[in-house]
Amino acid sequence: MNTRKNKVFPIILTVLIIGIIVYLFTHIKQPYIECSKETTFDKNIKVEEELKTTLDSNKISTLTVEKKIILPDELSSEKRLNSMKSALKGAYKYLGKDVKIETKGNSVIATITLDKNQTVILNDITAIYNDDVELEIISNTKSNDVISLTVKDKYTEANLITRLRNYGYSCK
C-alpha cells in the first residue's frame, strides 16, 4: 500500500509540469509593434502610414503597412483618385498579390501584408501640388529619406521602435 502512495506523487508532479509547459507555450506572446506617421503636404494633402509588425526571436516575422493618401474636398475627384491608385499599383507591383489598393471617399489606401522574405519601403510618398496632384514615390531602398524593412530583418523591439521614431513615427 505504501508503494502506491509513492507512485501517486510523481504522477501528479509530472502532470503539473506538463500543464505549466503547455500554458507557457500557448500564452507567450511575440512582441507586437504599432507605429504611425502623418505628413501634410501642399494644399493640405495628407499621407498617413500605419505599420504593424510582430517579432519572433528578434526577427521581423510579419509586416502590415497601410498607406493612405487623403485629398481635401476641393481637390478630390474620381480622375485624381484613380490616377493616384494607378501610381501606387505601379510602385508596389514588385510585391504582387500582397498589396491591396482601393479608394474610399477622398482617399486612396494601399494595404501591404508581408510574411515572406520581402522588403517594404516606408516614408516613400511625397505629394506635390503643381496645377495638379503629383505623387513622388521613392523606390530606392538606399535613399536616406526612407526606411526599408524586410521580413526576417533582425531587430529587438527597442531598436525597431527607436529607428522608426528617428524618422518621425510615433509608436505604441
N, C-alpha and C. Protein backbone atom coordinates (compact mmCIF):
# COMPACT_ATOMS: atom_id res chain seq x y z
N MET A 1 0.82 -1.19 0.00
CA MET A 1 0.00 0.00 0.00
C MET A 1 0.86 1.25 0.00
N ASN A 2 1.97 1.22 0.66
CA ASN A 2 2.89 2.34 0.70
C ASN A 2 3.48 2.64 -0.67
N THR A 3 3.72 1.61 -1.47
CA THR A 3 4.30 1.82 -2.80
C THR A 3 3.32 2.54 -3.71
N ARG A 4 2.03 2.32 -3.51
CA ARG A 4 1.04 3.00 -4.32
C ARG A 4 1.04 4.51 -4.05
N LYS A 5 1.18 4.91 -2.78
CA LYS A 5 1.25 6.32 -2.43
C LYS A 5 2.52 6.95 -3.00
N ASN A 6 3.59 6.19 -3.03
CA ASN A 6 4.86 6.69 -3.55
C ASN A 6 4.78 6.95 -5.06
N LYS A 7 3.92 6.26 -5.78
CA LYS A 7 3.79 6.43 -7.22
C LYS A 7 2.85 7.60 -7.57
N VAL A 8 1.92 7.93 -6.72
CA VAL A 8 0.94 8.98 -7.00
C VAL A 8 1.61 10.35 -7.06
N PHE A 9 2.52 10.65 -6.15
CA PHE A 9 3.16 11.97 -6.11
C PHE A 9 3.95 12.27 -7.39
N PRO A 10 4.78 11.37 -7.92
CA PRO A 10 5.49 11.67 -9.18
C PRO A 10 4.53 11.85 -10.36
N ILE A 11 3.44 11.13 -10.39
CA ILE A 11 2.47 11.27 -11.48
C ILE A 11 1.82 12.65 -11.41
N ILE A 12 1.41 13.08 -10.22
CA ILE A 12 0.80 14.41 -10.06
C ILE A 12 1.82 15.48 -10.43
N LEU A 13 3.04 15.35 -10.00
CA LEU A 13 4.09 16.33 -10.32
C LEU A 13 4.35 16.39 -11.82
N THR A 14 4.38 15.25 -12.50
CA THR A 14 4.59 15.21 -13.94
C THR A 14 3.44 15.91 -14.68
N VAL A 15 2.21 15.61 -14.30
CA VAL A 15 1.05 16.24 -14.93
C VAL A 15 1.08 17.74 -14.70
N LEU A 16 1.44 18.18 -13.52
CA LEU A 16 1.52 19.60 -13.20
C LEU A 16 2.59 20.29 -14.05
N ILE A 17 3.74 19.72 -14.20
CA ILE A 17 4.83 20.30 -15.01
C ILE A 17 4.42 20.37 -16.48
N ILE A 18 3.80 19.31 -17.00
CA ILE A 18 3.34 19.32 -18.40
C ILE A 18 2.29 20.42 -18.58
N GLY A 19 1.38 20.58 -17.63
CA GLY A 19 0.37 21.63 -17.70
C GLY A 19 0.99 23.02 -17.72
N ILE A 20 2.01 23.24 -16.91
CA ILE A 20 2.70 24.54 -16.88
C ILE A 20 3.39 24.81 -18.21
N ILE A 21 4.05 23.82 -18.76
CA ILE A 21 4.75 23.98 -20.05
C ILE A 21 3.75 24.30 -21.16
N VAL A 22 2.64 23.59 -21.22
CA VAL A 22 1.62 23.85 -22.24
C VAL A 22 1.06 25.27 -22.07
N TYR A 23 0.80 25.67 -20.84
CA TYR A 23 0.29 27.02 -20.58
C TYR A 23 1.28 28.07 -21.07
N LEU A 24 2.54 27.91 -20.76
CA LEU A 24 3.56 28.90 -21.18
C LEU A 24 3.65 28.98 -22.70
N PHE A 25 3.64 27.86 -23.39
CA PHE A 25 3.73 27.89 -24.85
C PHE A 25 2.52 28.54 -25.50
N THR A 26 1.35 28.37 -24.91
CA THR A 26 0.15 28.95 -25.52
C THR A 26 -0.07 30.41 -25.13
N HIS A 27 0.61 30.90 -24.11
CA HIS A 27 0.37 32.26 -23.65
C HIS A 27 1.55 33.21 -23.84
N ILE A 28 2.66 32.70 -24.32
CA ILE A 28 3.79 33.59 -24.60
C ILE A 28 3.49 34.33 -25.88
N LYS A 29 3.53 35.65 -25.82
CA LYS A 29 3.21 36.47 -26.99
C LYS A 29 4.48 37.02 -27.60
N GLN A 30 4.45 37.07 -28.93
CA GLN A 30 5.55 37.69 -29.64
C GLN A 30 5.40 39.20 -29.50
N PRO A 31 6.53 39.92 -29.43
CA PRO A 31 6.43 41.38 -29.38
C PRO A 31 5.67 41.91 -30.61
N TYR A 32 4.74 42.80 -30.36
CA TYR A 32 3.89 43.39 -31.40
C TYR A 32 4.09 44.89 -31.35
N ILE A 33 4.39 45.49 -32.49
CA ILE A 33 4.69 46.91 -32.55
C ILE A 33 3.73 47.59 -33.52
N GLU A 34 3.18 48.72 -33.10
CA GLU A 34 2.33 49.55 -33.96
C GLU A 34 2.93 50.94 -33.99
N CYS A 35 3.17 51.45 -35.20
CA CYS A 35 3.70 52.80 -35.35
C CYS A 35 2.94 53.50 -36.47
N SER A 36 2.87 54.82 -36.38
CA SER A 36 2.18 55.58 -37.42
C SER A 36 2.85 56.93 -37.62
N LYS A 37 2.57 57.49 -38.79
CA LYS A 37 3.11 58.80 -39.15
C LYS A 37 2.14 59.49 -40.08
N GLU A 38 1.94 60.77 -39.85
CA GLU A 38 1.09 61.57 -40.74
C GLU A 38 1.90 62.77 -41.21
N THR A 39 1.89 62.99 -42.52
CA THR A 39 2.60 64.11 -43.12
C THR A 39 1.61 64.91 -43.96
N THR A 40 1.66 66.23 -43.81
CA THR A 40 0.79 67.11 -44.58
C THR A 40 1.64 67.86 -45.60
N PHE A 41 1.18 67.85 -46.86
CA PHE A 41 1.90 68.48 -47.95
C PHE A 41 1.12 69.68 -48.47
N ASP A 42 1.51 70.19 -49.64
CA ASP A 42 0.84 71.33 -50.27
C ASP A 42 -0.66 71.12 -50.34
N LYS A 43 -1.41 72.21 -50.23
CA LYS A 43 -2.88 72.20 -50.37
C LYS A 43 -3.57 71.24 -49.40
N ASN A 44 -2.92 70.97 -48.27
CA ASN A 44 -3.48 70.12 -47.22
C ASN A 44 -3.68 68.66 -47.66
N ILE A 45 -2.84 68.18 -48.56
CA ILE A 45 -2.85 66.77 -48.95
C ILE A 45 -2.10 66.00 -47.87
N LYS A 46 -2.69 64.94 -47.36
CA LYS A 46 -2.09 64.19 -46.26
C LYS A 46 -1.71 62.79 -46.70
N VAL A 47 -0.60 62.31 -46.14
CA VAL A 47 -0.18 60.92 -46.30
C VAL A 47 -0.04 60.34 -44.91
N GLU A 48 -0.79 59.29 -44.64
CA GLU A 48 -0.73 58.60 -43.36
C GLU A 48 -0.17 57.20 -43.58
N GLU A 49 0.74 56.80 -42.72
CA GLU A 49 1.27 55.43 -42.77
C GLU A 49 1.07 54.80 -41.40
N GLU A 50 0.64 53.56 -41.43
CA GLU A 50 0.48 52.80 -40.20
C GLU A 50 1.16 51.45 -40.38
N LEU A 51 2.07 51.15 -39.48
CA LEU A 51 2.85 49.91 -39.54
C LEU A 51 2.49 49.03 -38.35
N LYS A 52 2.24 47.76 -38.62
CA LYS A 52 2.02 46.77 -37.57
C LYS A 52 2.96 45.61 -37.85
N THR A 53 3.72 45.23 -36.85
CA THR A 53 4.68 44.14 -37.06
C THR A 53 4.80 43.29 -35.81
N THR A 54 5.15 42.03 -36.03
CA THR A 54 5.46 41.14 -34.91
C THR A 54 6.90 40.68 -35.07
N LEU A 55 7.54 40.49 -33.93
CA LEU A 55 8.91 40.00 -33.91
C LEU A 55 8.91 38.61 -33.31
N ASP A 56 9.74 37.75 -33.86
CA ASP A 56 9.90 36.39 -33.35
C ASP A 56 11.38 36.13 -33.25
N SER A 57 11.87 35.91 -32.07
CA SER A 57 13.30 35.69 -31.83
C SER A 57 14.14 36.84 -32.39
N ASN A 58 13.69 38.06 -32.13
CA ASN A 58 14.36 39.28 -32.58
C ASN A 58 14.50 39.37 -34.09
N LYS A 59 13.52 38.85 -34.81
CA LYS A 59 13.43 38.98 -36.26
C LYS A 59 12.00 39.38 -36.60
N ILE A 60 11.86 40.22 -37.62
CA ILE A 60 10.52 40.58 -38.07
C ILE A 60 9.87 39.34 -38.68
N SER A 61 8.71 38.97 -38.19
CA SER A 61 8.04 37.78 -38.73
C SER A 61 6.86 38.15 -39.63
N THR A 62 6.18 39.26 -39.32
CA THR A 62 5.10 39.74 -40.19
C THR A 62 5.14 41.26 -40.23
N LEU A 63 4.70 41.80 -41.35
CA LEU A 63 4.62 43.25 -41.54
C LEU A 63 3.29 43.58 -42.22
N THR A 64 2.58 44.54 -41.68
CA THR A 64 1.40 45.07 -42.36
C THR A 64 1.55 46.58 -42.36
N VAL A 65 1.49 47.16 -43.55
CA VAL A 65 1.62 48.60 -43.69
C VAL A 65 0.41 49.12 -44.45
N GLU A 66 -0.21 50.15 -43.89
CA GLU A 66 -1.31 50.81 -44.59
C GLU A 66 -0.86 52.22 -44.91
N LYS A 67 -0.89 52.56 -46.20
CA LYS A 67 -0.52 53.89 -46.67
C LYS A 67 -1.77 54.54 -47.22
N LYS A 68 -2.13 55.68 -46.65
CA LYS A 68 -3.36 56.35 -47.04
C LYS A 68 -3.02 57.77 -47.51
N ILE A 69 -3.45 58.09 -48.73
CA ILE A 69 -3.29 59.43 -49.27
C ILE A 69 -4.67 60.07 -49.25
N ILE A 70 -4.78 61.19 -48.53
CA ILE A 70 -6.07 61.83 -48.34
C ILE A 70 -6.05 63.20 -49.02
N LEU A 71 -7.01 63.39 -49.93
CA LEU A 71 -7.14 64.67 -50.62
C LEU A 71 -8.21 65.52 -49.94
N PRO A 72 -8.00 66.84 -49.85
CA PRO A 72 -9.07 67.70 -49.34
C PRO A 72 -10.23 67.70 -50.34
N ASP A 73 -11.41 68.05 -49.86
CA ASP A 73 -12.62 68.02 -50.70
C ASP A 73 -12.45 68.76 -52.02
N GLU A 74 -11.82 69.94 -51.99
CA GLU A 74 -11.72 70.75 -53.21
C GLU A 74 -10.80 70.13 -54.27
N LEU A 75 -9.94 69.20 -53.87
CA LEU A 75 -9.05 68.56 -54.85
C LEU A 75 -9.50 67.15 -55.23
N SER A 76 -10.45 66.63 -54.49
CA SER A 76 -10.88 65.26 -54.71
C SER A 76 -11.74 65.12 -55.97
N SER A 77 -11.34 64.20 -56.82
CA SER A 77 -12.14 63.85 -57.99
C SER A 77 -11.84 62.39 -58.30
N GLU A 78 -12.78 61.77 -58.97
CA GLU A 78 -12.59 60.36 -59.32
C GLU A 78 -11.36 60.17 -60.19
N LYS A 79 -11.15 61.10 -61.11
CA LYS A 79 -9.99 61.03 -62.01
C LYS A 79 -8.68 61.08 -61.23
N ARG A 80 -8.58 62.02 -60.28
CA ARG A 80 -7.35 62.13 -59.47
C ARG A 80 -7.14 60.89 -58.61
N LEU A 81 -8.21 60.43 -57.98
CA LEU A 81 -8.09 59.24 -57.13
C LEU A 81 -7.65 58.03 -57.94
N ASN A 82 -8.21 57.84 -59.13
CA ASN A 82 -7.82 56.73 -59.99
C ASN A 82 -6.38 56.87 -60.47
N SER A 83 -5.94 58.09 -60.73
CA SER A 83 -4.56 58.34 -61.14
C SER A 83 -3.59 57.97 -60.00
N MET A 84 -3.95 58.35 -58.78
CA MET A 84 -3.10 58.00 -57.63
C MET A 84 -3.10 56.49 -57.39
N LYS A 85 -4.25 55.88 -57.57
CA LYS A 85 -4.36 54.42 -57.42
C LYS A 85 -3.45 53.71 -58.42
N SER A 86 -3.42 54.19 -59.65
CA SER A 86 -2.54 53.61 -60.67
C SER A 86 -1.07 53.79 -60.32
N ALA A 87 -0.74 54.98 -59.79
CA ALA A 87 0.65 55.24 -59.40
C ALA A 87 1.09 54.29 -58.28
N LEU A 88 0.21 54.06 -57.32
CA LEU A 88 0.54 53.14 -56.22
C LEU A 88 0.66 51.70 -56.72
N LYS A 89 -0.23 51.30 -57.63
CA LYS A 89 -0.15 49.95 -58.20
C LYS A 89 1.19 49.73 -58.88
N GLY A 90 1.62 50.73 -59.64
CA GLY A 90 2.90 50.62 -60.33
C GLY A 90 4.07 50.58 -59.37
N ALA A 91 4.01 51.40 -58.32
CA ALA A 91 5.11 51.47 -57.36
C ALA A 91 5.25 50.19 -56.53
N TYR A 92 4.13 49.54 -56.24
CA TYR A 92 4.17 48.35 -55.38
C TYR A 92 3.93 47.06 -56.14
N LYS A 93 4.06 47.12 -57.45
CA LYS A 93 3.87 45.95 -58.30
C LYS A 93 4.81 44.81 -57.91
N TYR A 94 6.01 45.15 -57.47
CA TYR A 94 7.02 44.14 -57.11
C TYR A 94 6.56 43.26 -55.94
N LEU A 95 5.57 43.71 -55.18
CA LEU A 95 5.07 42.93 -54.05
C LEU A 95 3.95 41.97 -54.45
N GLY A 96 3.48 42.07 -55.67
CA GLY A 96 2.48 41.14 -56.19
C GLY A 96 1.16 41.20 -55.45
N LYS A 97 0.63 40.02 -55.13
CA LYS A 97 -0.70 39.90 -54.53
C LYS A 97 -0.73 40.33 -53.07
N ASP A 98 0.42 40.69 -52.50
CA ASP A 98 0.46 41.08 -51.10
C ASP A 98 0.03 42.53 -50.89
N VAL A 99 -0.40 43.20 -51.97
CA VAL A 99 -0.83 44.60 -51.89
C VAL A 99 -2.29 44.71 -52.35
N LYS A 100 -3.06 45.42 -51.56
CA LYS A 100 -4.46 45.70 -51.92
C LYS A 100 -4.59 47.22 -51.98
N ILE A 101 -5.03 47.73 -53.12
CA ILE A 101 -5.17 49.18 -53.28
C ILE A 101 -6.63 49.48 -53.59
N GLU A 102 -7.19 50.43 -52.84
CA GLU A 102 -8.59 50.78 -53.01
C GLU A 102 -8.81 52.27 -52.76
N THR A 103 -9.92 52.77 -53.24
CA THR A 103 -10.31 54.16 -52.96
C THR A 103 -11.48 54.14 -51.99
N LYS A 104 -11.45 55.07 -51.05
CA LYS A 104 -12.54 55.24 -50.08
C LYS A 104 -12.72 56.73 -49.87
N GLY A 105 -13.87 57.24 -50.25
CA GLY A 105 -14.13 58.66 -50.07
C GLY A 105 -13.11 59.51 -50.80
N ASN A 106 -12.42 60.37 -50.08
CA ASN A 106 -11.40 61.26 -50.64
C ASN A 106 -10.00 60.67 -50.55
N SER A 107 -9.87 59.38 -50.37
CA SER A 107 -8.53 58.81 -50.15
C SER A 107 -8.28 57.55 -50.98
N VAL A 108 -7.01 57.28 -51.15
CA VAL A 108 -6.54 56.04 -51.77
C VAL A 108 -5.73 55.32 -50.71
N ILE A 109 -6.02 54.03 -50.53
CA ILE A 109 -5.38 53.26 -49.47
C ILE A 109 -4.67 52.06 -50.07
N ALA A 110 -3.39 51.93 -49.73
CA ALA A 110 -2.61 50.74 -50.12
C ALA A 110 -2.34 49.96 -48.84
N THR A 111 -2.78 48.72 -48.81
CA THR A 111 -2.53 47.85 -47.66
C THR A 111 -1.57 46.75 -48.10
N ILE A 112 -0.44 46.70 -47.44
CA ILE A 112 0.63 45.75 -47.78
C ILE A 112 0.76 44.78 -46.61
N THR A 113 0.64 43.49 -46.89
CA THR A 113 0.75 42.47 -45.86
C THR A 113 1.83 41.48 -46.28
N LEU A 114 2.89 41.41 -45.48
CA LEU A 114 4.03 40.55 -45.83
C LEU A 114 4.32 39.56 -44.71
N ASP A 115 4.61 38.32 -45.10
CA ASP A 115 5.10 37.33 -44.15
C ASP A 115 6.20 36.47 -44.77
N LYS A 116 6.58 36.84 -46.00
CA LYS A 116 7.69 36.16 -46.68
C LYS A 116 8.87 37.13 -46.68
N ASN A 117 9.98 36.68 -47.16
CA ASN A 117 11.20 37.50 -47.19
C ASN A 117 11.07 38.58 -48.26
N GLN A 118 10.28 39.62 -47.97
CA GLN A 118 10.05 40.72 -48.90
C GLN A 118 10.36 42.04 -48.20
N THR A 119 10.65 43.05 -49.01
CA THR A 119 11.01 44.37 -48.48
C THR A 119 9.90 45.37 -48.76
N VAL A 120 9.60 46.19 -47.76
CA VAL A 120 8.66 47.28 -47.92
C VAL A 120 9.40 48.57 -47.58
N ILE A 121 9.06 49.63 -48.31
CA ILE A 121 9.69 50.92 -48.09
C ILE A 121 8.68 51.83 -47.39
N LEU A 122 9.10 52.42 -46.28
CA LEU A 122 8.26 53.35 -45.53
C LEU A 122 8.72 54.77 -45.80
N ASN A 123 7.83 55.72 -45.57
CA ASN A 123 8.14 57.14 -45.72
C ASN A 123 8.58 57.46 -47.15
N ASP A 124 7.94 56.79 -48.11
CA ASP A 124 8.39 56.89 -49.50
C ASP A 124 7.50 57.73 -50.41
N ILE A 125 6.41 58.29 -49.86
CA ILE A 125 5.46 59.04 -50.69
C ILE A 125 5.52 60.53 -50.37
N THR A 126 5.68 61.33 -51.41
CA THR A 126 5.60 62.79 -51.29
C THR A 126 4.52 63.26 -52.25
N ALA A 127 3.64 64.12 -51.75
CA ALA A 127 2.58 64.68 -52.58
C ALA A 127 2.91 66.14 -52.89
N ILE A 128 2.85 66.48 -54.16
CA ILE A 128 3.17 67.83 -54.61
C ILE A 128 1.98 68.36 -55.39
N TYR A 129 1.65 69.63 -55.15
CA TYR A 129 0.59 70.25 -55.95
C TYR A 129 1.24 71.30 -56.84
N ASN A 130 1.14 71.06 -58.14
CA ASN A 130 1.68 71.98 -59.13
C ASN A 130 0.69 72.00 -60.29
N ASP A 131 -0.42 72.69 -60.10
CA ASP A 131 -1.56 72.70 -61.01
C ASP A 131 -2.31 71.38 -61.04
N ASP A 132 -1.78 70.38 -60.40
CA ASP A 132 -2.43 69.09 -60.25
C ASP A 132 -1.71 68.35 -59.12
N VAL A 133 -2.29 67.29 -58.63
CA VAL A 133 -1.67 66.49 -57.59
C VAL A 133 -0.69 65.52 -58.23
N GLU A 134 0.54 65.58 -57.77
CA GLU A 134 1.56 64.66 -58.25
C GLU A 134 2.11 63.88 -57.06
N LEU A 135 2.33 62.60 -57.27
CA LEU A 135 2.92 61.76 -56.24
C LEU A 135 4.34 61.40 -56.65
N GLU A 136 5.26 61.59 -55.73
CA GLU A 136 6.62 61.08 -55.93
C GLU A 136 6.77 59.90 -54.99
N ILE A 137 7.05 58.74 -55.55
CA ILE A 137 7.18 57.53 -54.75
C ILE A 137 8.61 57.03 -54.91
N ILE A 138 9.36 57.05 -53.82
CA ILE A 138 10.76 56.63 -53.86
C ILE A 138 10.83 55.11 -53.86
N SER A 139 11.55 54.57 -54.84
CA SER A 139 11.68 53.11 -54.91
C SER A 139 13.09 52.65 -54.56
N ASN A 140 13.98 53.58 -54.24
CA ASN A 140 15.36 53.25 -53.91
C ASN A 140 15.46 52.95 -52.42
N THR A 141 15.75 51.72 -52.09
CA THR A 141 15.83 51.32 -50.68
C THR A 141 17.05 51.91 -49.98
N LYS A 142 17.98 52.44 -50.72
CA LYS A 142 19.20 53.02 -50.13
C LYS A 142 19.07 54.52 -49.87
N SER A 143 17.94 55.12 -50.23
CA SER A 143 17.73 56.55 -50.02
C SER A 143 17.74 56.87 -48.52
N ASN A 144 18.32 58.02 -48.18
CA ASN A 144 18.37 58.44 -46.77
C ASN A 144 17.02 58.88 -46.24
N ASP A 145 16.07 59.14 -47.12
CA ASP A 145 14.77 59.64 -46.71
C ASP A 145 13.77 58.55 -46.36
N VAL A 146 14.09 57.31 -46.65
CA VAL A 146 13.14 56.22 -46.46
C VAL A 146 13.68 55.18 -45.47
N ILE A 147 12.77 54.35 -45.02
CA ILE A 147 13.13 53.19 -44.19
C ILE A 147 12.72 51.96 -44.98
N SER A 148 13.62 51.03 -45.14
CA SER A 148 13.23 49.77 -45.77
C SER A 148 13.29 48.68 -44.71
N LEU A 149 12.22 47.90 -44.64
CA LEU A 149 12.14 46.79 -43.70
C LEU A 149 11.84 45.52 -44.47
N THR A 150 12.48 44.47 -44.07
CA THR A 150 12.29 43.17 -44.70
C THR A 150 11.89 42.16 -43.65
N VAL A 151 10.94 41.30 -44.01
CA VAL A 151 10.62 40.19 -43.12
C VAL A 151 11.90 39.40 -42.93
N LYS A 152 12.20 39.05 -41.72
CA LYS A 152 13.41 38.34 -41.29
C LYS A 152 14.54 39.29 -40.91
N ASP A 153 14.37 40.64 -41.06
CA ASP A 153 15.37 41.58 -40.56
C ASP A 153 15.50 41.38 -39.06
N LYS A 154 16.74 41.53 -38.56
CA LYS A 154 16.98 41.35 -37.13
C LYS A 154 16.84 42.68 -36.40
N TYR A 155 15.90 42.73 -35.46
CA TYR A 155 15.67 43.90 -34.62
C TYR A 155 15.18 43.43 -33.26
N THR A 156 15.64 44.11 -32.23
CA THR A 156 14.97 43.95 -30.96
C THR A 156 13.79 44.92 -31.00
N GLU A 157 12.86 44.76 -30.11
CA GLU A 157 11.70 45.64 -30.08
C GLU A 157 12.15 47.10 -29.90
N ALA A 158 13.07 47.33 -28.97
CA ALA A 158 13.54 48.70 -28.70
C ALA A 158 14.28 49.29 -29.91
N ASN A 159 15.10 48.50 -30.58
CA ASN A 159 15.85 49.00 -31.74
C ASN A 159 14.93 49.41 -32.88
N LEU A 160 13.92 48.60 -33.15
CA LEU A 160 12.98 48.91 -34.24
C LEU A 160 12.18 50.17 -33.91
N ILE A 161 11.70 50.28 -32.69
CA ILE A 161 10.94 51.47 -32.29
C ILE A 161 11.82 52.71 -32.37
N THR A 162 13.04 52.63 -31.91
CA THR A 162 13.96 53.77 -31.98
C THR A 162 14.21 54.18 -33.43
N ARG A 163 14.42 53.21 -34.30
CA ARG A 163 14.67 53.53 -35.71
C ARG A 163 13.47 54.23 -36.33
N LEU A 164 12.28 53.74 -36.06
CA LEU A 164 11.08 54.35 -36.61
C LEU A 164 10.84 55.75 -36.02
N ARG A 165 11.08 55.91 -34.74
CA ARG A 165 10.91 57.23 -34.12
C ARG A 165 11.89 58.24 -34.70
N ASN A 166 13.08 57.80 -35.07
CA ASN A 166 14.07 58.70 -35.69
C ASN A 166 13.58 59.25 -37.03
N TYR A 167 12.63 58.57 -37.65
CA TYR A 167 12.05 59.03 -38.91
C TYR A 167 10.68 59.69 -38.72
N GLY A 168 10.33 59.99 -37.47
CA GLY A 168 9.11 60.73 -37.21
C GLY A 168 7.88 59.91 -36.92
N TYR A 169 8.01 58.61 -36.76
CA TYR A 169 6.87 57.75 -36.45
C TYR A 169 6.60 57.79 -34.94
N SER A 170 5.34 57.68 -34.58
CA SER A 170 5.01 57.52 -33.15
C SER A 170 4.59 56.08 -32.97
N CYS A 171 5.10 55.48 -31.91
CA CYS A 171 4.88 54.03 -31.69
C CYS A 171 4.19 53.80 -30.35
N LYS A 172 3.38 52.74 -30.36
CA LYS A 172 2.68 52.32 -29.12
C LYS A 172 3.46 51.22 -28.47
